[in-house]
Amino acid sequence: MSRKVTLHLAKLAEQAERFSDMWEEMCNLTKLEGVGGTLTEEERNMLASSFKNAVGTGRAAWRVFSSAKKEEEKRGEGDKDAAYLEGLGTYLAKVGQEVVTVCDRAIGLLDANVLPQVQEKDVKVFFLKMKGDSLRYKVEVARNPAERDEWAGQARDAYQAAMDIAREGLTPDDPVRLGLGLNFSVFYYEIANEPTKAIELARQTFDDAIDQVTMGDNYKDAALILQLLRDNLALWTGAEADDDDEDENDSGEDK
């Protein structure tokens, strides 16, 4: 199937809110010979959006079941429902595997068909960030400590590689660099359990960009990410002041 037809089918799937189909079509498009390194901005955004939507349902479901399991585990020994806990554990394993499967496909696609072919710095950063996000999502649902540590290390490496390129080749107000700073700081806070680093990176990303953002093609995207950074900083610094880092509501927003 041609690139044009595949892209059109992906757009129709998006309109129909069939996001798993959209993800399938964008994977097919990216694997077409010679396409991975020449994806247009529209195609890149559709690939990333379709991935986030495809994996988002599983991530949301996992949070629901995980929260319910934690609540049940807080109950006294005589009040816990063993069958209920077993059922929740089964659902967590099932949903977690669904998330891992989608993320593994994204990582494999990026490693085999995209990153080796990409030359432009902003595009390289875009896809290294997507790889870091994919690994971070895997960590969120990991049940094996060894796997969790391995995936967290790989996520850190992908984000850091992207950050090294971004600082060298992208302006501080570039939405791609801003989005990377946002998501890398969320990794530090939620995955690495390093709130100080998370706050430092989020604040540096915000401060470096705020005076450079001007009206233009990228203004809307940059302004949105700056607001998310501001919101996360307010949330995290408030949590630090309250010494309440364990509160699940302290999770930051990403893009």
C-alpha atoms as a PDB file:
ATOM      1  CA  MET A   1       0.000   0.000   0.000  1.00  0.00           C
ATOM      2  CA  SER A   2       1.317   3.463  -0.856  1.00  0.00           C
ATOM      3  CA  ARG A   3       2.450   6.089   1.644  1.00  0.00           C
ATOM      4  CA  LYS A   4      -0.358   8.422   0.590  1.00  0.00           C
ATOM      5  CA  VAL A   5      -3.090   5.811   1.005  1.00  0.00           C
ATOM      6  CA  THR A   6      -1.735   4.588   4.344  1.00  0.00           C
ATOM      7  CA  LEU A   7      -1.607   8.139   5.704  1.00  0.00           C
ATOM      8  CA  HIS A   8      -5.158   8.788   4.546  1.00  0.00           C
ATOM      9  CA  LEU A   9      -6.383   5.611   6.270  1.00  0.00           C
ATOM     10  CA  ALA A  10      -4.622   6.687   9.467  1.00  0.00           C
ATOM     11  CA  LYS A  11      -6.380  10.060   9.341  1.00  0.00           C
ATOM     12  CA  LEU A  12      -9.748   8.383   8.846  1.00  0.00           C
ATOM     13  CA  ALA A  13      -9.076   6.054  11.763  1.00  0.00           C
ATOM     14  CA  GLU A  14      -8.262   9.092  13.909  1.00  0.00           C
ATOM     15  CA  GLN A  15     -11.517  10.789  12.899  1.00  0.00           C
ATOM     16  CA  ALA A  16     -13.391   7.604  13.772  1.00  0.00           C
ATOM     17  CA  GLU A  17     -11.544   7.465  17.134  1.00  0.00           C
ATOM     18  CA  ARG A  18     -10.198   4.029  16.259  1.00  0.00           C
ATOM     19  CA  PHE A  19      -6.816   4.797  17.729  1.00  0.00           C
ATOM     20  CA  SER A  20      -5.470   1.256  17.661  1.00  0.00           C
ATOM     21  CA  ASP A  21      -6.165   1.208  13.919  1.00  0.00           C
ATOM     22  CA  MET A  22      -4.517   4.599  13.536  1.00  0.00           C
ATOM     23  CA  TRP A  23      -1.448   3.260  15.355  1.00  0.00           C
ATOM     24  CA  GLU A  24      -1.407   0.209  13.091  1.00  0.00           C
ATOM     25  CA  GLU A  25      -1.521   2.337   9.948  1.00  0.00           C
ATOM     26  CA  MET A  26       1.202   4.696  11.160  1.00  0.00           C
ATOM     27  CA  CYS A  27       3.429   1.722  11.993  1.00  0.00           C
ATOM     28  CA  ASN A  28       2.812   0.363   8.501  1.00  0.00           C
ATOM     29  CA  LEU A  29       3.641   3.740   6.975  1.00  0.00           C
ATOM     30  CA  THR A  30       6.857   4.078   8.962  1.00  0.00           C
ATOM     31  CA  LYS A  31       8.027   0.625   7.880  1.00  0.00           C
ATOM     32  CA  LEU A  32       7.637   1.414   4.177  1.00  0.00           C
ATOM     33  CA  GLU A  33      11.023   1.326   2.485  1.00  0.00           C
ATOM     34  CA  GLY A  34      12.904   4.590   2.891  1.00  0.00           C
ATOM     35  CA  VAL A  35      10.127   6.335   4.827  1.00  0.00           C
ATOM     36  CA  GLY A  36      11.364   6.095   8.432  1.00  0.00           C
ATOM     37  CA  GLY A  37      14.032   8.744   8.011  1.00  0.00           C
ATOM     38  CA  THR A  38      11.891  11.086   5.911  1.00  0.00           C
ATOM     39  CA  LEU A  39       8.695  11.356   7.958  1.00  0.00           C
ATOM     40  CA  THR A  40       7.122  14.786   7.590  1.00  0.00           C
ATOM     41  CA  GLU A  41       6.225  16.848  10.647  1.00  0.00           C
ATOM     42  CA  GLU A  42       2.593  15.834  10.188  1.00  0.00           C
ATOM     43  CA  GLU A  43       3.527  12.155   9.953  1.00  0.00           C
ATOM     44  CA  ARG A  44       5.802  12.384  13.002  1.00  0.00           C
ATOM     45  CA  ASN A  45       3.074  13.981  15.064  1.00  0.00           C
ATOM     46  CA  MET A  46       0.528  11.410  13.915  1.00  0.00           C
ATOM     47  CA  LEU A  47       2.883   8.548  14.777  1.00  0.00           C
ATOM     48  CA  ALA A  48       3.495   9.927  18.265  1.00  0.00           C
ATOM     49  CA  SER A  49      -0.179  10.784  18.815  1.00  0.00           C
ATOM     50  CA  SER A  50      -1.387   7.374  17.649  1.00  0.00           C
ATOM     51  CA  PHE A  51       1.107   5.667  19.958  1.00  0.00           C
ATOM     52  CA  LYS A  52       0.098   7.748  22.965  1.00  0.00           C
ATOM     53  CA  ASN A  53      -3.587   7.056  22.312  1.00  0.00           C
ATOM     54  CA  ALA A  54      -2.969   3.345  21.725  1.00  0.00           C
ATOM     55  CA  VAL A  55      -1.080   2.966  24.980  1.00  0.00           C
ATOM     56  CA  GLY A  56      -3.125   5.522  26.934  1.00  0.00           C
ATOM     57  CA  THR A  57      -6.154   3.303  27.524  1.00  0.00           C
ATOM     58  CA  GLY A  58      -3.993   0.613  29.080  1.00  0.00           C
ATOM     59  CA  ARG A  59      -2.096   3.100  31.248  1.00  0.00           C
ATOM     60  CA  ALA A  60      -5.344   4.578  32.545  1.00  0.00           C
ATOM     61  CA  ALA A  61      -6.814   1.134  33.240  1.00  0.00           C
ATOM     62  CA  TRP A  62      -3.653   0.061  35.052  1.00  0.00           C
ATOM     63  CA  ARG A  63      -3.881   3.092  37.337  1.00  0.00           C
ATOM     64  CA  VAL A  64      -7.497   2.251  38.225  1.00  0.00           C
ATOM     65  CA  PHE A  65      -6.749  -1.372  39.110  1.00  0.00           C
ATOM     66  CA  SER A  66      -3.501  -0.464  40.872  1.00  0.00           C
ATOM     67  CA  SER A  67      -5.257   2.113  43.046  1.00  0.00           C
ATOM     68  CA  ALA A  68      -8.024  -0.342  43.924  1.00  0.00           C
ATOM     69  CA  LYS A  69      -5.469  -3.003  44.870  1.00  0.00           C
ATOM     70  CA  LYS A  70      -3.560  -0.598  47.121  1.00  0.00           C
ATOM     71  CA  GLU A  71      -6.781   0.418  48.862  1.00  0.00           C
ATOM     72  CA  GLU A  72      -7.740  -3.192  49.485  1.00  0.00           C
ATOM     73  CA  GLU A  73      -4.263  -3.999  50.784  1.00  0.00           C
ATOM     74  CA  LYS A  74      -4.591  -1.205  53.368  1.00  0.00           C
ATOM     75  CA  ARG A  75      -7.493  -2.988  55.006  1.00  0.00           C
ATOM     76  CA  GLY A  76      -6.938  -5.040  58.140  1.00  0.00           C
ATOM     77  CA  GLU A  77      -5.969  -8.682  57.777  1.00  0.00           C
ATOM     78  CA  GLY A  78      -9.433  -9.865  58.720  1.00  0.00           C
ATOM     79  CA  ASP A  79     -11.134  -7.456  56.315  1.00  0.00           C
ATOM     80  CA  LYS A  80      -9.143  -8.131  53.146  1.00  0.00           C
ATOM     81  CA  ASP A  81     -10.926  -9.981  50.361  1.00  0.00           C
ATOM     82  CA  ALA A  82      -8.406 -12.507  49.027  1.00  0.00           C
ATOM     83  CA  ALA A  83     -10.461 -13.351  45.941  1.00  0.00           C
ATOM     84  CA  TYR A  84     -10.857  -9.663  45.090  1.00  0.00           C
ATOM     85  CA  LEU A  85      -7.125  -9.079  45.467  1.00  0.00           C
ATOM     86  CA  GLU A  86      -6.405 -12.063  43.254  1.00  0.00           C
ATOM     87  CA  GLY A  87      -8.768 -10.721  40.606  1.00  0.00           C
ATOM     88  CA  LEU A  88      -7.160  -7.299  40.744  1.00  0.00           C
ATOM     89  CA  GLY A  89      -3.736  -8.884  40.407  1.00  0.00           C
ATOM     90  CA  THR A  90      -4.889 -10.798  37.333  1.00  0.00           C
ATOM     91  CA  TYR A  91      -6.205  -7.614  35.726  1.00  0.00           C
ATOM     92  CA  LEU A  92      -2.994  -5.737  36.535  1.00  0.00           C
ATOM     93  CA  ALA A  93      -0.906  -8.440  34.896  1.00  0.00           C
ATOM     94  CA  LYS A  94      -3.143  -8.483  31.813  1.00  0.00           C
ATOM     95  CA  VAL A  95      -3.306  -4.715  31.361  1.00  0.00           C
ATOM     96  CA  GLY A  96       0.372  -4.287  32.150  1.00  0.00           C
ATOM     97  CA  GLN A  97       1.303  -6.755  29.433  1.00  0.00           C
ATOM     98  CA  GLU A  98      -0.892  -4.891  26.950  1.00  0.00           C
ATOM     99  CA  VAL A  99       0.987  -1.670  27.743  1.00  0.00           C
ATOM    100  CA  VAL A 100       4.368  -3.397  27.417  1.00  0.00           C
ATOM    101  CA  THR A 101       3.376  -4.920  24.063  1.00  0.00           C
ATOM    102  CA  VAL A 102       2.462  -1.542  22.566  1.00  0.00           C
ATOM    103  CA  CYS A 103       5.609   0.067  23.963  1.00  0.00           C
ATOM    104  CA  ASP A 104       7.858  -2.719  22.718  1.00  0.00           C
ATOM    105  CA  ARG A 105       6.428  -2.284  19.243  1.00  0.00           C
ATOM    106  CA  ALA A 106       7.137   1.448  19.365  1.00  0.00           C
ATOM    107  CA  ILE A 107      10.696   0.919  20.591  1.00  0.00           C
ATOM    108  CA  GLY A 108      11.367  -1.724  17.943  1.00  0.00           C
ATOM    109  CA  LEU A 109       9.968   0.531  15.231  1.00  0.00           C
ATOM    110  CA  LEU A 110      12.106   3.477  16.319  1.00  0.00           C
ATOM    111  CA  ASP A 111      15.292   1.429  16.659  1.00  0.00           C
ATOM    112  CA  ALA A 112      14.907  -0.416  13.357  1.00  0.00           C
ATOM    113  CA  ASN A 113      13.160   2.010  11.020  1.00  0.00           C
ATOM    114  CA  VAL A 114      13.575   5.559  12.288  1.00  0.00           C
ATOM    115  CA  LEU A 115      16.523   6.502  14.493  1.00  0.00           C
ATOM    116  CA  PRO A 116      19.264   4.977  12.293  1.00  0.00           C
ATOM    117  CA  GLN A 117      17.989   6.983   9.314  1.00  0.00           C
ATOM    118  CA  VAL A 118      17.299  10.349  10.936  1.00  0.00           C
ATOM    119  CA  GLN A 119      19.824  13.152  10.465  1.00  0.00           C
ATOM    120  CA  GLU A 120      18.059  16.363  11.565  1.00  0.00           C
ATOM    121  CA  LYS A 121      18.683  17.225  15.207  1.00  0.00           C
ATOM    122  CA  ASP A 122      15.115  18.223  16.040  1.00  0.00           C
ATOM    123  CA  VAL A 123      13.761  15.006  14.525  1.00  0.00           C
ATOM    124  CA  LYS A 124      16.358  12.908  16.354  1.00  0.00           C
ATOM    125  CA  VAL A 125      15.370  14.562  19.640  1.00  0.00           C
ATOM    126  CA  PHE A 126      11.672  14.041  18.890  1.00  0.00           C
ATOM    127  CA  PHE A 127      12.088  10.303  18.410  1.00  0.00           C
ATOM    128  CA  LEU A 128      14.582   9.759  21.252  1.00  0.00           C
ATOM    129  CA  LYS A 129      12.033  11.439  23.525  1.00  0.00           C
ATOM    130  CA  MET A 130       9.350   9.082  22.176  1.00  0.00           C
ATOM    131  CA  LYS A 131      11.638   6.135  22.933  1.00  0.00           C
ATOM    132  CA  GLY A 132      12.206   7.452  26.458  1.00  0.00           C
ATOM    133  CA  ASP A 133       8.455   7.857  26.928  1.00  0.00           C
ATOM    134  CA  SER A 134       7.849   4.281  25.734  1.00  0.00           C
ATOM    135  CA  LEU A 135      10.354   2.915  28.235  1.00  0.00           C
ATOM    136  CA  ARG A 136       8.931   5.098  31.014  1.00  0.00           C
ATOM    137  CA  TYR A 137       5.459   3.699  30.382  1.00  0.00           C
ATOM    138  CA  LYS A 138       6.894   0.182  30.653  1.00  0.00           C
ATOM    139  CA  VAL A 139       8.425   1.062  34.009  1.00  0.00           C
ATOM    140  CA  GLU A 140       5.045   2.304  35.249  1.00  0.00           C
ATOM    141  CA  VAL A 141       3.521  -1.155  34.875  1.00  0.00           C
ATOM    142  CA  ALA A 142       6.598  -3.258  35.718  1.00  0.00           C
ATOM    143  CA  ARG A 143       6.081  -5.906  38.393  1.00  0.00           C
ATOM    144  CA  ASN A 144       9.550  -7.410  38.319  1.00  0.00           C
ATOM    145  CA  PRO A 145      12.131  -5.203  40.129  1.00  0.00           C
ATOM    146  CA  ALA A 146      14.944  -6.292  37.813  1.00  0.00           C
ATOM    147  CA  GLU A 147      12.922  -5.406  34.706  1.00  0.00           C
ATOM    148  CA  ARG A 148      11.900  -2.128  36.271  1.00  0.00           C
ATOM    149  CA  ASP A 149      15.507  -1.149  36.936  1.00  0.00           C
ATOM    150  CA  GLU A 150      16.586  -2.196  33.435  1.00  0.00           C
ATOM    151  CA  TRP A 151      13.809  -0.270  31.687  1.00  0.00           C
ATOM    152  CA  ALA A 152      14.323   2.790  33.906  1.00  0.00           C
ATOM    153  CA  GLY A 153      18.013   2.842  32.992  1.00  0.00           C
ATOM    154  CA  GLN A 154      17.198   2.568  29.302  1.00  0.00           C
ATOM    155  CA  ALA A 155      14.637   5.367  29.592  1.00  0.00           C
ATOM    156  CA  ARG A 156      17.178   7.615  31.335  1.00  0.00           C
ATOM    157  CA  ASP A 157      19.719   6.897  28.584  1.00  0.00           C
ATOM    158  CA  ALA A 158      17.226   7.745  25.812  1.00  0.00           C
ATOM    159  CA  TYR A 159      16.155  10.983  27.488  1.00  0.00           C
ATOM    160  CA  GLN A 160      19.755  11.987  28.205  1.00  0.00           C
ATOM    161  CA  ALA A 161      20.835  11.300  24.618  1.00  0.00           C
ATOM    162  CA  ALA A 162      17.969  13.478  23.428  1.00  0.00           C
ATOM    163  CA  MET A 163      18.849  16.211  25.922  1.00  0.00           C
ATOM    164  CA  ASP A 164      22.503  16.283  24.848  1.00  0.00           C
ATOM    165  CA  ILE A 165      21.446  16.836  21.227  1.00  0.00           C
ATOM    166  CA  ALA A 166      18.748  19.365  22.146  1.00  0.00           C
ATOM    167  CA  ARG A 167      21.081  21.549  24.192  1.00  0.00           C
ATOM    168  CA  GLU A 168      23.561  21.607  21.346  1.00  0.00           C
ATOM    169  CA  GLY A 169      21.218  22.102  18.406  1.00  0.00           C
ATOM    170  CA  LEU A 170      17.816  23.449  19.504  1.00  0.00           C
ATOM    171  CA  THR A 171      16.846  26.798  20.974  1.00  0.00           C
ATOM    172  CA  PRO A 172      15.439  26.762  24.536  1.00  0.00           C
ATOM    173  CA  ASP A 173      11.970  27.767  23.301  1.00  0.00           C
ATOM    174  CA  ASP A 174      11.766  25.027  20.664  1.00  0.00           C
ATOM    175  CA  PRO A 175       8.633  22.955  21.481  1.00  0.00           C
ATOM    176  CA  VAL A 176      10.533  19.707  20.890  1.00  0.00           C
ATOM    177  CA  ARG A 177      13.190  20.691  23.450  1.00  0.00           C
ATOM    178  CA  LEU A 178      10.538  21.977  25.848  1.00  0.00           C
ATOM    179  CA  GLY A 179       8.549  18.748  25.592  1.00  0.00           C
ATOM    180  CA  LEU A 180      11.700  16.767  26.274  1.00  0.00           C
ATOM    181  CA  GLY A 181      12.494  18.837  29.356  1.00  0.00           C
ATOM    182  CA  LEU A 182       8.939  18.356  30.590  1.00  0.00           C
ATOM    183  CA  ASN A 183       8.891  14.581  30.153  1.00  0.00           C
ATOM    184  CA  PHE A 184      12.440  14.018  31.391  1.00  0.00           C
ATOM    185  CA  SER A 185      11.580  15.916  34.571  1.00  0.00           C
ATOM    186  CA  VAL A 186       8.472  13.733  35.014  1.00  0.00           C
ATOM    187  CA  PHE A 187      10.753  10.693  34.666  1.00  0.00           C
ATOM    188  CA  TYR A 188      12.982  12.013  37.444  1.00  0.00           C
ATOM    189  CA  TYR A 189      10.019  12.670  39.721  1.00  0.00           C
ATOM    190  CA  GLU A 190       7.835   9.631  39.123  1.00  0.00           C
ATOM    191  CA  ILE A 191      10.245   6.899  38.016  1.00  0.00           C
ATOM    192  CA  ALA A 192      13.706   7.717  39.386  1.00  0.00           C
ATOM    193  CA  ASN A 193      12.298   9.125  42.647  1.00  0.00           C
ATOM    194  CA  GLU A 194      14.631  12.092  42.382  1.00  0.00           C
ATOM    195  CA  PRO A 195      12.355  15.072  43.074  1.00  0.00           C
ATOM    196  CA  THR A 196      15.232  17.536  43.429  1.00  0.00           C
ATOM    197  CA  LYS A 197      16.514  16.726  39.943  1.00  0.00           C
ATOM    198  CA  ALA A 198      12.977  16.861  38.572  1.00  0.00           C
ATOM    199  CA  ILE A 199      12.404  20.318  39.984  1.00  0.00           C
ATOM    200  CA  GLU A 200      15.815  21.585  38.859  1.00  0.00           C
ATOM    201  CA  LEU A 201      15.305  20.367  35.285  1.00  0.00           C
ATOM    202  CA  ALA A 202      11.742  21.646  35.045  1.00  0.00           C
ATOM    203  CA  ARG A 203      12.748  25.055  36.426  1.00  0.00           C
ATOM    204  CA  GLN A 204      15.785  25.316  34.149  1.00  0.00           C
ATOM    205  CA  THR A 205      13.716  24.343  31.110  1.00  0.00           C
ATOM    206  CA  PHE A 206      11.109  26.933  32.012  1.00  0.00           C
ATOM    207  CA  ASP A 207      13.538  29.741  32.876  1.00  0.00           C
ATOM    208  CA  ASP A 208      15.689  29.228  29.766  1.00  0.00           C
ATOM    209  CA  ALA A 209      12.677  29.474  27.479  1.00  0.00           C
ATOM    210  CA  ILE A 210      10.320  31.978  29.055  1.00  0.00           C
ATOM    211  CA  ASP A 211      12.147  35.094  27.849  1.00  0.00           C
ATOM    212  CA  GLN A 212      12.675  33.724  24.336  1.00  0.00           C
ATOM    213  CA  VAL A 213       9.137  32.678  23.453  1.00  0.00           C
ATOM    214  CA  THR A 214       7.706  34.997  20.815  1.00  0.00           C
ATOM    215  CA  MET A 215       4.594  35.020  18.673  1.00  0.00           C
ATOM    216  CA  GLY A 216       5.065  32.729  15.722  1.00  0.00           C
ATOM    217  CA  ASP A 217       4.327  29.310  14.318  1.00  0.00           C
ATOM    218  CA  ASN A 218       5.450  27.509  17.472  1.00  0.00           C
ATOM    219  CA  TYR A 219       4.033  29.922  20.036  1.00  0.00           C
ATOM    220  CA  LYS A 220       0.906  27.911  20.889  1.00  0.00           C
ATOM    221  CA  ASP A 221       2.803  24.652  21.452  1.00  0.00           C
ATOM    222  CA  ALA A 222       5.559  26.349  23.440  1.00  0.00           C
ATOM    223  CA  ALA A 223       3.070  28.224  25.625  1.00  0.00           C
ATOM    224  CA  LEU A 224       1.174  25.012  26.411  1.00  0.00           C
ATOM    225  CA  ILE A 225       4.320  23.192  27.504  1.00  0.00           C
ATOM    226  CA  LEU A 226       5.474  26.143  29.583  1.00  0.00           C
ATOM    227  CA  GLN A 227       2.136  26.058  31.402  1.00  0.00           C
ATOM    228  CA  LEU A 228       2.527  22.326  32.067  1.00  0.00           C
ATOM    229  CA  LEU A 229       6.016  22.981  33.433  1.00  0.00           C
ATOM    230  CA  ARG A 230       4.642  25.742  35.645  1.00  0.00           C
ATOM    231  CA  ASP A 231       1.871  23.451  36.921  1.00  0.00           C
ATOM    232  CA  ASN A 232       4.299  20.632  37.705  1.00  0.00           C
ATOM    233  CA  LEU A 233       6.672  22.960  39.521  1.00  0.00           C
ATOM    234  CA  ALA A 234       3.839  24.287  41.657  1.00  0.00           C
ATOM    235  CA  LEU A 235       2.717  20.734  42.445  1.00  0.00           C
ATOM    236  CA  TRP A 236       6.169  19.366  43.172  1.00  0.00           C
ATOM    237  CA  THR A 237       7.505  22.286  45.199  1.00  0.00           C
ATOM    238  CA  GLY A 238       4.296  22.249  47.219  1.00  0.00           C
ATOM    239  CA  ALA A 239       4.763  18.547  47.881  1.00  0.00           C
ATOM    240  CA  GLU A 240       8.350  19.144  48.928  1.00  0.00           C
ATOM    241  CA  ALA A 241       7.263  21.827  51.362  1.00  0.00           C
ATOM    242  CA  ASP A 242       4.603  19.545  52.808  1.00  0.00           C
ATOM    243  CA  ASP A 243       7.008  16.582  52.935  1.00  0.00           C
ATOM    244  CA  ASP A 244       4.291  14.569  51.185  1.00  0.00           C
ATOM    245  CA  ASP A 245       6.117  13.012  48.236  1.00  0.00           C
ATOM    246  CA  GLU A 246       4.281   9.698  48.621  1.00  0.00           C
ATOM    247  CA  ASP A 247       0.931  11.200  47.705  1.00  0.00           C
ATOM    248  CA  GLU A 248      -0.172   9.779  44.353  1.00  0.00           C
ATOM    249  CA  ASN A 249      -1.762  13.097  43.480  1.00  0.00           C
ATOM    250  CA  ASP A 250       1.734  14.576  43.152  1.00  0.00           C
ATOM    251  CA  SER A 251       2.189  12.952  39.745  1.00  0.00           C
ATOM    252  CA  GLY A 252       3.113  15.524  37.110  1.00  0.00           C
ATOM    253  CA  GLU A 253       1.706  16.111  33.674  1.00  0.00           C
ATOM    254  CA  ASP A 254       3.595  15.195  30.546  1.00  0.00           C
ATOM    255  CA  LYS A 255       3.184  15.743  26.822  1.00  0.00           C
END
